[in-house]
Amino acid sequence: MAEPKRDPAAGAALGALSAAKNRKIMTAVGAALIAVGIAGMVIVGSQAVKAIQNENFGIAQGKYFQLEQYVFMFVLIGGLGLVIYSQVSAQREKAKRRESQNNRNNKSTDAA
C-alpha cells in the first residue's frame, strides 16, 4: 500500500477509514446524504412538472427525469442506511460499556 505522505488518494482513504470509526461523523454524513436525496428529488420533480406544463415533455425527457429520480432515491437510501448503521453501532457500543461496567461492579460487591 502506498504511503499517505506520497499518495494523496491513500491519505484520503486513510482519513475516510478513520472517520468511519467515529459514529457521530457517520451520522452527520448520512443525514447530509438524506437531505441531498430529498432536495434532489424535489428539484427534479419540479423540473418535470414545469416541462409537463410547458408541453415540452417527451419520452426521452421522461426517461431522463426518471433516471435522475432514481439517482437521488439511491442517495437517500444510502444516507438512511448509513444513519441506521451508525446509530445501531453506537447503541451496541454503549450496551457493551454498560455491561462491562455492571460486571466490574458485581465483582467488586462480591469481593466485599
PDB file of N, CA and C in Angstrom:
ATOM      1  N   MET A   1       0.848  -1.186   0.000  1.00  0.00           N
ATOM      2  CA  MET A   1       0.000   0.000   0.000  1.00  0.00           C
ATOM      3  C   MET A   1       0.884   1.236   0.000  1.00  0.00           C
ATOM      4  N   ALA A   2       0.465   2.248  -0.704  1.00  0.00           N
ATOM      5  CA  ALA A   2       1.238   3.485  -0.819  1.00  0.00           C
ATOM      6  C   ALA A   2       1.232   4.244   0.502  1.00  0.00           C
ATOM      7  N   GLU A   3       2.293   4.992   0.720  1.00  0.00           N
ATOM      8  CA  GLU A   3       2.372   5.797   1.928  1.00  0.00           C
ATOM      9  C   GLU A   3       1.483   7.025   1.785  1.00  0.00           C
ATOM     10  N   PRO A   4       0.721   7.408   2.834  1.00  0.00           N
ATOM     11  CA  PRO A   4      -0.151   8.581   2.741  1.00  0.00           C
ATOM     12  C   PRO A   4       0.595   9.872   2.442  1.00  0.00           C
ATOM     13  N   LYS A   5       1.878   9.961   2.835  1.00  0.00           N
ATOM     14  CA  LYS A   5       2.636  11.185   2.597  1.00  0.00           C
ATOM     15  C   LYS A   5       2.907  11.387   1.102  1.00  0.00           C
ATOM     16  N   ARG A   6       3.000  10.300   0.351  1.00  0.00           N
ATOM     17  CA  ARG A   6       3.350  10.401  -1.060  1.00  0.00           C
ATOM     18  C   ARG A   6       2.138  10.302  -1.981  1.00  0.00           C
ATOM     19  N   ASP A   7       1.081   9.664  -1.528  1.00  0.00           N
ATOM     20  CA  ASP A   7      -0.086   9.450  -2.376  1.00  0.00           C
ATOM     21  C   ASP A   7      -1.305  10.108  -1.739  1.00  0.00           C
ATOM     22  N   PRO A   8      -1.821  11.176  -2.345  1.00  0.00           N
ATOM     23  CA  PRO A   8      -2.986  11.862  -1.758  1.00  0.00           C
ATOM     24  C   PRO A   8      -4.205  10.955  -1.655  1.00  0.00           C
ATOM     25  N   ALA A   9      -4.396  10.044  -2.611  1.00  0.00           N
ATOM     26  CA  ALA A   9      -5.547   9.143  -2.569  1.00  0.00           C
ATOM     27  C   ALA A   9      -5.448   8.205  -1.366  1.00  0.00           C
ATOM     28  N   ALA A  10      -4.247   7.744  -1.065  1.00  0.00           N
ATOM     29  CA  ALA A  10      -4.061   6.881   0.097  1.00  0.00           C
ATOM     30  C   ALA A  10      -4.340   7.642   1.382  1.00  0.00           C
ATOM     31  N   GLY A  11      -3.944   8.906   1.420  1.00  0.00           N
ATOM     32  CA  GLY A  11      -4.232   9.742   2.593  1.00  0.00           C
ATOM     33  C   GLY A  11      -5.720   9.969   2.764  1.00  0.00           C
ATOM     34  N   ALA A  12      -6.411  10.182   1.655  1.00  0.00           N
ATOM     35  CA  ALA A  12      -7.863  10.377   1.720  1.00  0.00           C
ATOM     36  C   ALA A  12      -8.557   9.098   2.179  1.00  0.00           C
ATOM     37  N   ALA A  13      -8.084   7.963   1.687  1.00  0.00           N
ATOM     38  CA  ALA A  13      -8.675   6.686   2.104  1.00  0.00           C
ATOM     39  C   ALA A  13      -8.427   6.437   3.588  1.00  0.00           C
ATOM     40  N   LEU A  14      -7.237   6.780   4.067  1.00  0.00           N
ATOM     41  CA  LEU A  14      -6.924   6.621   5.482  1.00  0.00           C
ATOM     42  C   LEU A  14      -7.806   7.533   6.328  1.00  0.00           C
ATOM     43  N   GLY A  15      -8.025   8.752   5.861  1.00  0.00           N
ATOM     44  CA  GLY A  15      -8.915   9.673   6.570  1.00  0.00           C
ATOM     45  C   GLY A  15     -10.343   9.172   6.594  1.00  0.00           C
ATOM     46  N   ALA A  16     -10.799   8.581   5.491  1.00  0.00           N
ATOM     47  CA  ALA A  16     -12.163   8.043   5.437  1.00  0.00           C
ATOM     48  C   ALA A  16     -12.316   6.873   6.394  1.00  0.00           C
ATOM     49  N   LEU A  17     -11.296   6.021   6.473  1.00  0.00           N
ATOM     50  CA  LEU A  17     -11.358   4.901   7.415  1.00  0.00           C
ATOM     51  C   LEU A  17     -11.381   5.396   8.853  1.00  0.00           C
ATOM     52  N   SER A  18     -10.617   6.430   9.132  1.00  0.00           N
ATOM     53  CA  SER A  18     -10.595   6.995  10.469  1.00  0.00           C
ATOM     54  C   SER A  18     -11.946   7.617  10.817  1.00  0.00           C
ATOM     55  N   ALA A  19     -12.554   8.313   9.859  1.00  0.00           N
ATOM     56  CA  ALA A  19     -13.852   8.945  10.094  1.00  0.00           C
ATOM     57  C   ALA A  19     -14.948   7.906  10.239  1.00  0.00           C
ATOM     58  N   ALA A  20     -14.792   6.755   9.572  1.00  0.00           N
ATOM     59  CA  ALA A  20     -15.815   5.713   9.647  1.00  0.00           C
ATOM     60  C   ALA A  20     -15.926   5.139  11.057  1.00  0.00           C
ATOM     61  N   LYS A  21     -14.878   5.259  11.847  1.00  0.00           N
ATOM     62  CA  LYS A  21     -14.935   4.771  13.222  1.00  0.00           C
ATOM     63  C   LYS A  21     -15.683   5.735  14.128  1.00  0.00           C
ATOM     64  N   ASN A  22     -15.773   6.987  13.733  1.00  0.00           N
ATOM     65  CA  ASN A  22     -16.464   7.979  14.536  1.00  0.00           C
ATOM     66  C   ASN A  22     -17.944   7.975  14.162  1.00  0.00           C
ATOM     67  N   ARG A  23     -18.776   7.501  15.064  1.00  0.00           N
ATOM     68  CA  ARG A  23     -20.198   7.319  14.776  1.00  0.00           C
ATOM     69  C   ARG A  23     -20.925   8.647  14.572  1.00  0.00           C
ATOM     70  N   LYS A  24     -20.479   9.693  15.241  1.00  0.00           N
ATOM     71  CA  LYS A  24     -21.135  10.995  15.080  1.00  0.00           C
ATOM     72  C   LYS A  24     -20.915  11.540  13.678  1.00  0.00           C
ATOM     73  N   ILE A  25     -19.704  11.370  13.157  1.00  0.00           N
ATOM     74  CA  ILE A  25     -19.416  11.829  11.801  1.00  0.00           C
ATOM     75  C   ILE A  25     -20.229  11.020  10.797  1.00  0.00           C
ATOM     76  N   MET A  26     -20.317   9.721  11.013  1.00  0.00           N
ATOM     77  CA  MET A  26     -21.105   8.875  10.109  1.00  0.00           C
ATOM     78  C   MET A  26     -22.572   9.291  10.116  1.00  0.00           C
ATOM     79  N   THR A  27     -23.096   9.620  11.277  1.00  0.00           N
ATOM     80  CA  THR A  27     -24.484  10.059  11.371  1.00  0.00           C
ATOM     81  C   THR A  27     -24.679  11.380  10.630  1.00  0.00           C
ATOM     82  N   ALA A  28     -23.737  12.295  10.788  1.00  0.00           N
ATOM     83  CA  ALA A  28     -23.838  13.595  10.112  1.00  0.00           C
ATOM     84  C   ALA A  28     -23.751  13.437   8.597  1.00  0.00           C
ATOM     85  N   VAL A  29     -22.853  12.581   8.123  1.00  0.00           N
ATOM     86  CA  VAL A  29     -22.731  12.342   6.679  1.00  0.00           C
ATOM     87  C   VAL A  29     -24.005  11.697   6.144  1.00  0.00           C
ATOM     88  N   GLY A  30     -24.537  10.732   6.895  1.00  0.00           N
ATOM     89  CA  GLY A  30     -25.793  10.099   6.480  1.00  0.00           C
ATOM     90  C   GLY A  30     -26.941  11.091   6.415  1.00  0.00           C
ATOM     91  N   ALA A  31     -27.013  11.978   7.397  1.00  0.00           N
ATOM     92  CA  ALA A  31     -28.068  12.998   7.399  1.00  0.00           C
ATOM     93  C   ALA A  31     -27.905  13.948   6.210  1.00  0.00           C
ATOM     94  N   ALA A  32     -26.667  14.276   5.883  1.00  0.00           N
ATOM     95  CA  ALA A  32     -26.423  15.142   4.720  1.00  0.00           C
ATOM     96  C   ALA A  32     -26.849  14.439   3.431  1.00  0.00           C
ATOM     97  N   LEU A  33     -26.556  13.153   3.322  1.00  0.00           N
ATOM     98  CA  LEU A  33     -26.984  12.401   2.136  1.00  0.00           C
ATOM     99  C   LEU A  33     -28.505  12.332   2.034  1.00  0.00           C
ATOM    100  N   ILE A  34     -29.168  12.172   3.163  1.00  0.00           N
ATOM    101  CA  ILE A  34     -30.634  12.168   3.159  1.00  0.00           C
ATOM    102  C   ILE A  34     -31.159  13.517   2.668  1.00  0.00           C
ATOM    103  N   ALA A  35     -30.586  14.591   3.171  1.00  0.00           N
ATOM    104  CA  ALA A  35     -31.025  15.933   2.759  1.00  0.00           C
ATOM    105  C   ALA A  35     -30.779  16.163   1.269  1.00  0.00           C
ATOM    106  N   VAL A  36     -29.627  15.729   0.771  1.00  0.00           N
ATOM    107  CA  VAL A  36     -29.321  15.877  -0.657  1.00  0.00           C
ATOM    108  C   VAL A  36     -30.301  15.053  -1.491  1.00  0.00           C
ATOM    109  N   GLY A  37     -30.589  13.840  -1.043  1.00  0.00           N
ATOM    110  CA  GLY A  37     -31.524  12.988  -1.765  1.00  0.00           C
ATOM    111  C   GLY A  37     -32.911  13.585  -1.846  1.00  0.00           C
ATOM    112  N   ILE A  38     -33.408  14.094  -0.734  1.00  0.00           N
ATOM    113  CA  ILE A  38     -34.745  14.691  -0.714  1.00  0.00           C
ATOM    114  C   ILE A  38     -34.775  15.957  -1.567  1.00  0.00           C
ATOM    115  N   ALA A  39     -33.775  16.820  -1.391  1.00  0.00           N
ATOM    116  CA  ALA A  39     -33.733  18.067  -2.160  1.00  0.00           C
ATOM    117  C   ALA A  39     -33.623  17.782  -3.654  1.00  0.00           C
ATOM    118  N   GLY A  40     -32.796  16.833  -4.020  1.00  0.00           N
ATOM    119  CA  GLY A  40     -32.646  16.488  -5.430  1.00  0.00           C
ATOM    120  C   GLY A  40     -33.927  15.955  -6.035  1.00  0.00           C
ATOM    121  N   MET A  41     -34.630  15.108  -5.292  1.00  0.00           N
ATOM    122  CA  MET A  41     -35.889  14.576  -5.803  1.00  0.00           C
ATOM    123  C   MET A  41     -36.927  15.680  -5.970  1.00  0.00           C
ATOM    124  N   VAL A  42     -36.972  16.609  -5.043  1.00  0.00           N
ATOM    125  CA  VAL A  42     -37.923  17.720  -5.148  1.00  0.00           C
ATOM    126  C   VAL A  42     -37.588  18.605  -6.347  1.00  0.00           C
ATOM    127  N   ILE A  43     -36.314  18.912  -6.534  1.00  0.00           N
ATOM    128  CA  ILE A  43     -35.897  19.771  -7.651  1.00  0.00           C
ATOM    129  C   ILE A  43     -36.189  19.103  -8.991  1.00  0.00           C
ATOM    130  N   VAL A  44     -35.829  17.831  -9.120  1.00  0.00           N
ATOM    131  CA  VAL A  44     -36.081  17.121 -10.377  1.00  0.00           C
ATOM    132  C   VAL A  44     -37.578  17.002 -10.626  1.00  0.00           C
ATOM    133  N   GLY A  45     -38.342  16.740  -9.587  1.00  0.00           N
ATOM    134  CA  GLY A  45     -39.798  16.654  -9.743  1.00  0.00           C
ATOM    135  C   GLY A  45     -40.406  17.963 -10.178  1.00  0.00           C
ATOM    136  N   SER A  46     -39.931  19.066  -9.621  1.00  0.00           N
ATOM    137  CA  SER A  46     -40.470  20.369 -10.021  1.00  0.00           C
ATOM    138  C   SER A  46     -40.089  20.701 -11.459  1.00  0.00           C
ATOM    139  N   GLN A  47     -38.884  20.285 -11.884  1.00  0.00           N
ATOM    140  CA  GLN A  47     -38.498  20.494 -13.282  1.00  0.00           C
ATOM    141  C   GLN A  47     -39.390  19.669 -14.217  1.00  0.00           C
ATOM    142  N   ALA A  48     -39.746  18.458 -13.810  1.00  0.00           N
ATOM    143  CA  ALA A  48     -40.622  17.612 -14.623  1.00  0.00           C
ATOM    144  C   ALA A  48     -42.012  18.234 -14.725  1.00  0.00           C
ATOM    145  N   VAL A  49     -42.509  18.778 -13.631  1.00  0.00           N
ATOM    146  CA  VAL A  49     -43.834  19.422 -13.651  1.00  0.00           C
ATOM    147  C   VAL A  49     -43.813  20.637 -14.572  1.00  0.00           C
ATOM    148  N   LYS A  50     -42.736  21.431 -14.515  1.00  0.00           N
ATOM    149  CA  LYS A  50     -42.624  22.590 -15.403  1.00  0.00           C
ATOM    150  C   LYS A  50     -42.601  22.156 -16.867  1.00  0.00           C
ATOM    151  N   ALA A  51     -41.882  21.067 -17.157  1.00  0.00           N
ATOM    152  CA  ALA A  51     -41.812  20.577 -18.534  1.00  0.00           C
ATOM    153  C   ALA A  51     -43.177  20.083 -19.001  1.00  0.00           C
ATOM    154  N   ILE A  52     -43.919  19.443 -18.122  1.00  0.00           N
ATOM    155  CA  ILE A  52     -45.261  18.973 -18.486  1.00  0.00           C
ATOM    156  C   ILE A  52     -46.187  20.160 -18.726  1.00  0.00           C
ATOM    157  N   GLN A  53     -46.094  21.168 -17.886  1.00  0.00           N
ATOM    158  CA  GLN A  53     -46.953  22.349 -18.038  1.00  0.00           C
ATOM    159  C   GLN A  53     -46.650  23.123 -19.318  1.00  0.00           C
ATOM    160  N   ASN A  54     -45.385  23.138 -19.725  1.00  0.00           N
ATOM    161  CA  ASN A  54     -44.994  23.833 -20.955  1.00  0.00           C
ATOM    162  C   ASN A  54     -45.194  22.968 -22.190  1.00  0.00           C
ATOM    163  N   GLU A  55     -45.675  21.749 -21.989  1.00  0.00           N
ATOM    164  CA  GLU A  55     -45.919  20.776 -23.057  1.00  0.00           C
ATOM    165  C   GLU A  55     -44.655  20.461 -23.854  1.00  0.00           C
ATOM    166  N   ASN A  56     -43.516  20.497 -23.188  1.00  0.00           N
ATOM    167  CA  ASN A  56     -42.236  20.120 -23.804  1.00  0.00           C
ATOM    168  C   ASN A  56     -41.809  18.730 -23.343  1.00  0.00           C
ATOM    169  N   PHE A  57     -42.745  17.948 -22.919  1.00  0.00           N
ATOM    170  CA  PHE A  57     -42.427  16.686 -22.269  1.00  0.00           C
ATOM    171  C   PHE A  57     -42.537  15.546 -23.274  1.00  0.00           C
ATOM    172  N   GLY A  58     -41.404  14.899 -23.556  1.00  0.00           N
ATOM    173  CA  GLY A  58     -41.386  13.757 -24.466  1.00  0.00           C
ATOM    174  C   GLY A  58     -40.914  12.509 -23.747  1.00  0.00           C
ATOM    175  N   ILE A  59     -40.892  11.414 -24.479  1.00  0.00           N
ATOM    176  CA  ILE A  59     -40.480  10.132 -23.893  1.00  0.00           C
ATOM    177  C   ILE A  59     -39.028  10.190 -23.427  1.00  0.00           C
ATOM    178  N   ALA A  60     -38.160  10.758 -24.256  1.00  0.00           N
ATOM    179  CA  ALA A  60     -36.736  10.841 -23.893  1.00  0.00           C
ATOM    180  C   ALA A  60     -36.545  11.682 -22.631  1.00  0.00           C
ATOM    181  N   GLN A  61     -37.281  12.784 -22.544  1.00  0.00           N
ATOM    182  CA  GLN A  61     -37.150  13.638 -21.369  1.00  0.00           C
ATOM    183  C   GLN A  61     -37.736  12.950 -20.137  1.00  0.00           C
ATOM    184  N   GLY A  62     -38.788  12.178 -20.319  1.00  0.00           N
ATOM    185  CA  GLY A  62     -39.379  11.431 -19.206  1.00  0.00           C
ATOM    186  C   GLY A  62     -38.413  10.408 -18.642  1.00  0.00           C
ATOM    187  N   LYS A  63     -37.689   9.719 -19.532  1.00  0.00           N
ATOM    188  CA  LYS A  63     -36.686   8.740 -19.084  1.00  0.00           C
ATOM    189  C   LYS A  63     -35.562   9.442 -18.321  1.00  0.00           C
ATOM    190  N   TYR A  64     -35.196  10.630 -18.795  1.00  0.00           N
ATOM    191  CA  TYR A  64     -34.144  11.405 -18.137  1.00  0.00           C
ATOM    192  C   TYR A  64     -34.563  11.788 -16.715  1.00  0.00           C
ATOM    193  N   PHE A  65     -35.796  12.285 -16.563  1.00  0.00           N
ATOM    194  CA  PHE A  65     -36.279  12.650 -15.232  1.00  0.00           C
ATOM    195  C   PHE A  65     -36.376  11.429 -14.328  1.00  0.00           C
ATOM    196  N   GLN A  66     -36.810  10.314 -14.894  1.00  0.00           N
ATOM    197  CA  GLN A  66     -36.938   9.087 -14.106  1.00  0.00           C
ATOM    198  C   GLN A  66     -35.561   8.618 -13.626  1.00  0.00           C
ATOM    199  N   LEU A  67     -34.568   8.683 -14.499  1.00  0.00           N
ATOM    200  CA  LEU A  67     -33.215   8.284 -14.117  1.00  0.00           C
ATOM    201  C   LEU A  67     -32.678   9.179 -13.005  1.00  0.00           C
ATOM    202  N   GLU A  68     -32.897  10.490 -13.121  1.00  0.00           N
ATOM    203  CA  GLU A  68     -32.445  11.406 -12.073  1.00  0.00           C
ATOM    204  C   GLU A  68     -33.153  11.118 -10.746  1.00  0.00           C
ATOM    205  N   GLN A  69     -34.436  10.807 -10.804  1.00  0.00           N
ATOM    206  CA  GLN A  69     -35.174  10.475  -9.584  1.00  0.00           C
ATOM    207  C   GLN A  69     -34.566   9.240  -8.924  1.00  0.00           C
ATOM    208  N   TYR A  70     -34.217   8.223  -9.735  1.00  0.00           N
ATOM    209  CA  TYR A  70     -33.606   7.009  -9.183  1.00  0.00           C
ATOM    210  C   TYR A  70     -32.256   7.311  -8.537  1.00  0.00           C
ATOM    211  N   VAL A  71     -31.461   8.155  -9.165  1.00  0.00           N
ATOM    212  CA  VAL A  71     -30.149   8.505  -8.604  1.00  0.00           C
ATOM    213  C   VAL A  71     -30.323   9.137  -7.225  1.00  0.00           C
ATOM    214  N   PHE A  72     -31.218  10.116  -7.131  1.00  0.00           N
ATOM    215  CA  PHE A  72     -31.413  10.778  -5.840  1.00  0.00           C
ATOM    216  C   PHE A  72     -32.081   9.850  -4.821  1.00  0.00           C
ATOM    217  N   MET A  73     -32.914   8.934  -5.296  1.00  0.00           N
ATOM    218  CA  MET A  73     -33.528   7.978  -4.379  1.00  0.00           C
ATOM    219  C   MET A  73     -32.465   7.063  -3.782  1.00  0.00           C
ATOM    220  N   PHE A  74     -31.501   6.616  -4.596  1.00  0.00           N
ATOM    221  CA  PHE A  74     -30.441   5.762  -4.067  1.00  0.00           C
ATOM    222  C   PHE A  74     -29.514   6.528  -3.135  1.00  0.00           C
ATOM    223  N   VAL A  75     -29.288   7.810  -3.396  1.00  0.00           N
ATOM    224  CA  VAL A  75     -28.514   8.638  -2.467  1.00  0.00           C
ATOM    225  C   VAL A  75     -29.254   8.727  -1.133  1.00  0.00           C
ATOM    226  N   LEU A  76     -30.564   8.923  -1.196  1.00  0.00           N
ATOM    227  CA  LEU A  76     -31.396   8.979   0.010  1.00  0.00           C
ATOM    228  C   LEU A  76     -31.343   7.665   0.784  1.00  0.00           C
ATOM    229  N   ILE A  77     -31.482   6.563   0.088  1.00  0.00           N
ATOM    230  CA  ILE A  77     -31.451   5.243   0.744  1.00  0.00           C
ATOM    231  C   ILE A  77     -30.075   4.972   1.339  1.00  0.00           C
ATOM    232  N   GLY A  78     -29.016   5.361   0.629  1.00  0.00           N
ATOM    233  CA  GLY A  78     -27.661   5.194   1.161  1.00  0.00           C
ATOM    234  C   GLY A  78     -27.456   5.996   2.437  1.00  0.00           C
ATOM    235  N   GLY A  79     -27.943   7.227   2.447  1.00  0.00           N
ATOM    236  CA  GLY A  79     -27.848   8.054   3.653  1.00  0.00           C
ATOM    237  C   GLY A  79     -28.630   7.473   4.803  1.00  0.00           C
ATOM    238  N   LEU A  80     -29.818   6.953   4.504  1.00  0.00           N
ATOM    239  CA  LEU A  80     -30.632   6.332   5.547  1.00  0.00           C
ATOM    240  C   LEU A  80     -29.938   5.095   6.117  1.00  0.00           C
ATOM    241  N   GLY A  81     -29.357   4.296   5.239  1.00  0.00           N
ATOM    242  CA  GLY A  81     -28.615   3.116   5.696  1.00  0.00           C
ATOM    243  C   GLY A  81     -27.426   3.493   6.567  1.00  0.00           C
ATOM    244  N   LEU A  82     -26.724   4.544   6.182  1.00  0.00           N
ATOM    245  CA  LEU A  82     -25.566   4.994   6.957  1.00  0.00           C
ATOM    246  C   LEU A  82     -25.988   5.494   8.336  1.00  0.00           C
ATOM    247  N   VAL A  83     -27.077   6.240   8.407  1.00  0.00           N
ATOM    248  CA  VAL A  83     -27.567   6.733   9.701  1.00  0.00           C
ATOM    249  C   VAL A  83     -27.992   5.559  10.586  1.00  0.00           C
ATOM    250  N   ILE A  84     -28.721   4.622  10.019  1.00  0.00           N
ATOM    251  CA  ILE A  84     -29.172   3.464  10.805  1.00  0.00           C
ATOM    252  C   ILE A  84     -27.973   2.665  11.300  1.00  0.00           C
ATOM    253  N   TYR A  85     -27.005   2.405  10.424  1.00  0.00           N
ATOM    254  CA  TYR A  85     -25.819   1.641  10.818  1.00  0.00           C
ATOM    255  C   TYR A  85     -25.054   2.343  11.936  1.00  0.00           C
ATOM    256  N   SER A  86     -24.862   3.650  11.802  1.00  0.00           N
ATOM    257  CA  SER A  86     -24.083   4.364  12.819  1.00  0.00           C
ATOM    258  C   SER A  86     -24.821   4.397  14.154  1.00  0.00           C
ATOM    259  N   GLN A  87     -26.142   4.551  14.122  1.00  0.00           N
ATOM    260  CA  GLN A  87     -26.900   4.583  15.377  1.00  0.00           C
ATOM    261  C   GLN A  87     -26.929   3.218  16.049  1.00  0.00           C
ATOM    262  N   VAL A  88     -27.103   2.155  15.271  1.00  0.00           N
ATOM    263  CA  VAL A  88     -27.096   0.808  15.845  1.00  0.00           C
ATOM    264  C   VAL A  88     -25.722   0.491  16.429  1.00  0.00           C
ATOM    265  N   SER A  89     -24.660   0.873  15.723  1.00  0.00           N
ATOM    266  CA  SER A  89     -23.302   0.638  16.231  1.00  0.00           C
ATOM    267  C   SER A  89     -23.052   1.413  17.517  1.00  0.00           C
ATOM    268  N   ALA A  90     -23.522   2.642  17.573  1.00  0.00           N
ATOM    269  CA  ALA A  90     -23.333   3.447  18.784  1.00  0.00           C
ATOM    270  C   ALA A  90     -24.094   2.830  19.957  1.00  0.00           C
ATOM    271  N   GLN A  91     -25.302   2.366  19.717  1.00  0.00           N
ATOM    272  CA  GLN A  91     -26.071   1.739  20.795  1.00  0.00           C
ATOM    273  C   GLN A  91     -25.412   0.448  21.256  1.00  0.00           C
ATOM    274  N   ARG A  92     -24.843  -0.307  20.317  1.00  0.00           N
ATOM    275  CA  ARG A  92     -24.163  -1.553  20.680  1.00  0.00           C
ATOM    276  C   ARG A  92     -22.946  -1.258  21.555  1.00  0.00           C
ATOM    277  N   GLU A  93     -22.189  -0.218  21.196  1.00  0.00           N
ATOM    278  CA  GLU A  93     -21.020   0.153  21.996  1.00  0.00           C
ATOM    279  C   GLU A  93     -21.425   0.598  23.397  1.00  0.00           C
ATOM    280  N   LYS A  94     -22.510   1.367  23.493  1.00  0.00           N
ATOM    281  CA  LYS A  94     -22.991   1.804  24.806  1.00  0.00           C
ATOM    282  C   LYS A  94     -23.423   0.615  25.651  1.00  0.00           C
ATOM    283  N   ALA A  95     -24.095  -0.349  25.031  1.00  0.00           N
ATOM    284  CA  ALA A  95     -24.547  -1.529  25.767  1.00  0.00           C
ATOM    285  C   ALA A  95     -23.356  -2.350  26.260  1.00  0.00           C
ATOM    286  N   LYS A  96     -22.321  -2.471  25.442  1.00  0.00           N
ATOM    287  CA  LYS A  96     -21.126  -3.212  25.858  1.00  0.00           C
ATOM    288  C   LYS A  96     -20.438  -2.518  27.022  1.00  0.00           C
ATOM    289  N   ARG A  97     -20.332  -1.181  26.942  1.00  0.00           N
ATOM    290  CA  ARG A  97     -19.720  -0.444  28.045  1.00  0.00           C
ATOM    291  C   ARG A  97     -20.521  -0.597  29.326  1.00  0.00           C
ATOM    292  N   ARG A  98     -21.836  -0.506  29.209  1.00  0.00           N
ATOM    293  CA  ARG A  98     -22.707  -0.639  30.374  1.00  0.00           C
ATOM    294  C   ARG A  98     -22.585  -2.040  30.977  1.00  0.00           C
ATOM    295  N   GLU A  99     -22.534  -3.062  30.115  1.00  0.00           N
ATOM    296  CA  GLU A  99     -22.423  -4.431  30.600  1.00  0.00           C
ATOM    297  C   GLU A  99     -21.093  -4.677  31.296  1.00  0.00           C
ATOM    298  N   SER A 100     -20.007  -4.153  30.718  1.00  0.00           N
ATOM    299  CA  SER A 100     -18.703  -4.347  31.352  1.00  0.00           C
ATOM    300  C   SER A 100     -18.620  -3.591  32.680  1.00  0.00           C
ATOM    301  N   GLN A 101     -19.261  -2.423  32.740  1.00  0.00           N
ATOM    302  CA  GLN A 101     -19.278  -1.668  33.991  1.00  0.00           C
ATOM    303  C   GLN A 101     -20.093  -2.417  35.050  1.00  0.00           C
ATOM    304  N   ASN A 102     -21.217  -3.003  34.656  1.00  0.00           N
ATOM    305  CA  ASN A 102     -22.017  -3.781  35.598  1.00  0.00           C
ATOM    306  C   ASN A 102     -21.267  -5.006  36.085  1.00  0.00           C
ATOM    307  N   ASN A 103     -20.512  -5.650  35.191  1.00  0.00           N
ATOM    308  CA  ASN A 103     -19.715  -6.815  35.592  1.00  0.00           C
ATOM    309  C   ASN A 103     -18.641  -6.424  36.595  1.00  0.00           C
ATOM    310  N   ARG A 104     -18.007  -5.267  36.383  1.00  0.00           N
ATOM    311  CA  ARG A 104     -16.990  -4.799  37.334  1.00  0.00           C
ATOM    312  C   ARG A 104     -17.622  -4.475  38.684  1.00  0.00           C
ATOM    313  N   ASN A 105     -18.800  -3.854  38.658  1.00  0.00           N
ATOM    314  CA  ASN A 105     -19.488  -3.516  39.918  1.00  0.00           C
ATOM    315  C   ASN A 105     -19.898  -4.788  40.655  1.00  0.00           C
ATOM    316  N   ASN A 106     -20.358  -5.797  39.932  1.00  0.00           N
ATOM    317  CA  ASN A 106     -20.763  -7.042  40.567  1.00  0.00           C
ATOM    318  C   ASN A 106     -19.573  -7.768  41.182  1.00  0.00           C
ATOM    319  N   LYS A 107     -18.422  -7.752  40.503  1.00  0.00           N
ATOM    320  CA  LYS A 107     -17.234  -8.387  41.039  1.00  0.00           C
ATOM    321  C   LYS A 107     -16.746  -7.683  42.293  1.00  0.00           C
ATOM    322  N   SER A 108     -16.825  -6.355  42.310  1.00  0.00           N
ATOM    323  CA  SER A 108     -16.355  -5.618  43.487  1.00  0.00           C
ATOM    324  C   SER A 108     -17.294  -5.840  44.669  1.00  0.00           C
ATOM    325  N   THR A 109     -18.594  -5.986  44.461  1.00  0.00           N
ATOM    326  CA  THR A 109     -19.525  -6.240  45.567  1.00  0.00           C
ATOM    327  C   THR A 109     -19.420  -7.671  46.052  1.00  0.00           C
ATOM    328  N   ASP A 110     -19.084  -8.599  45.128  1.00  0.00           N
ATOM    329  CA  ASP A 110     -18.904  -9.998  45.536  1.00  0.00           C
ATOM    330  C   ASP A 110     -17.655 -10.163  46.388  1.00  0.00           C
ATOM    331  N   ALA A 111     -16.625  -9.411  46.112  1.00  0.00           N
ATOM    332  CA  ALA A 111     -15.370  -9.500  46.848  1.00  0.00           C
ATOM    333  C   ALA A 111     -15.511  -8.932  48.257  1.00  0.00           C
ATOM    334  N   ALA A 112     -16.423  -7.990  48.420  1.00  0.00           N
ATOM    335  CA  ALA A 112     -16.592  -7.349  49.727  1.00  0.00           C
ATOM    336  C   ALA A 112     -17.416  -8.174  50.604  1.00  0.00           C
TER     337      ALA A 112
END
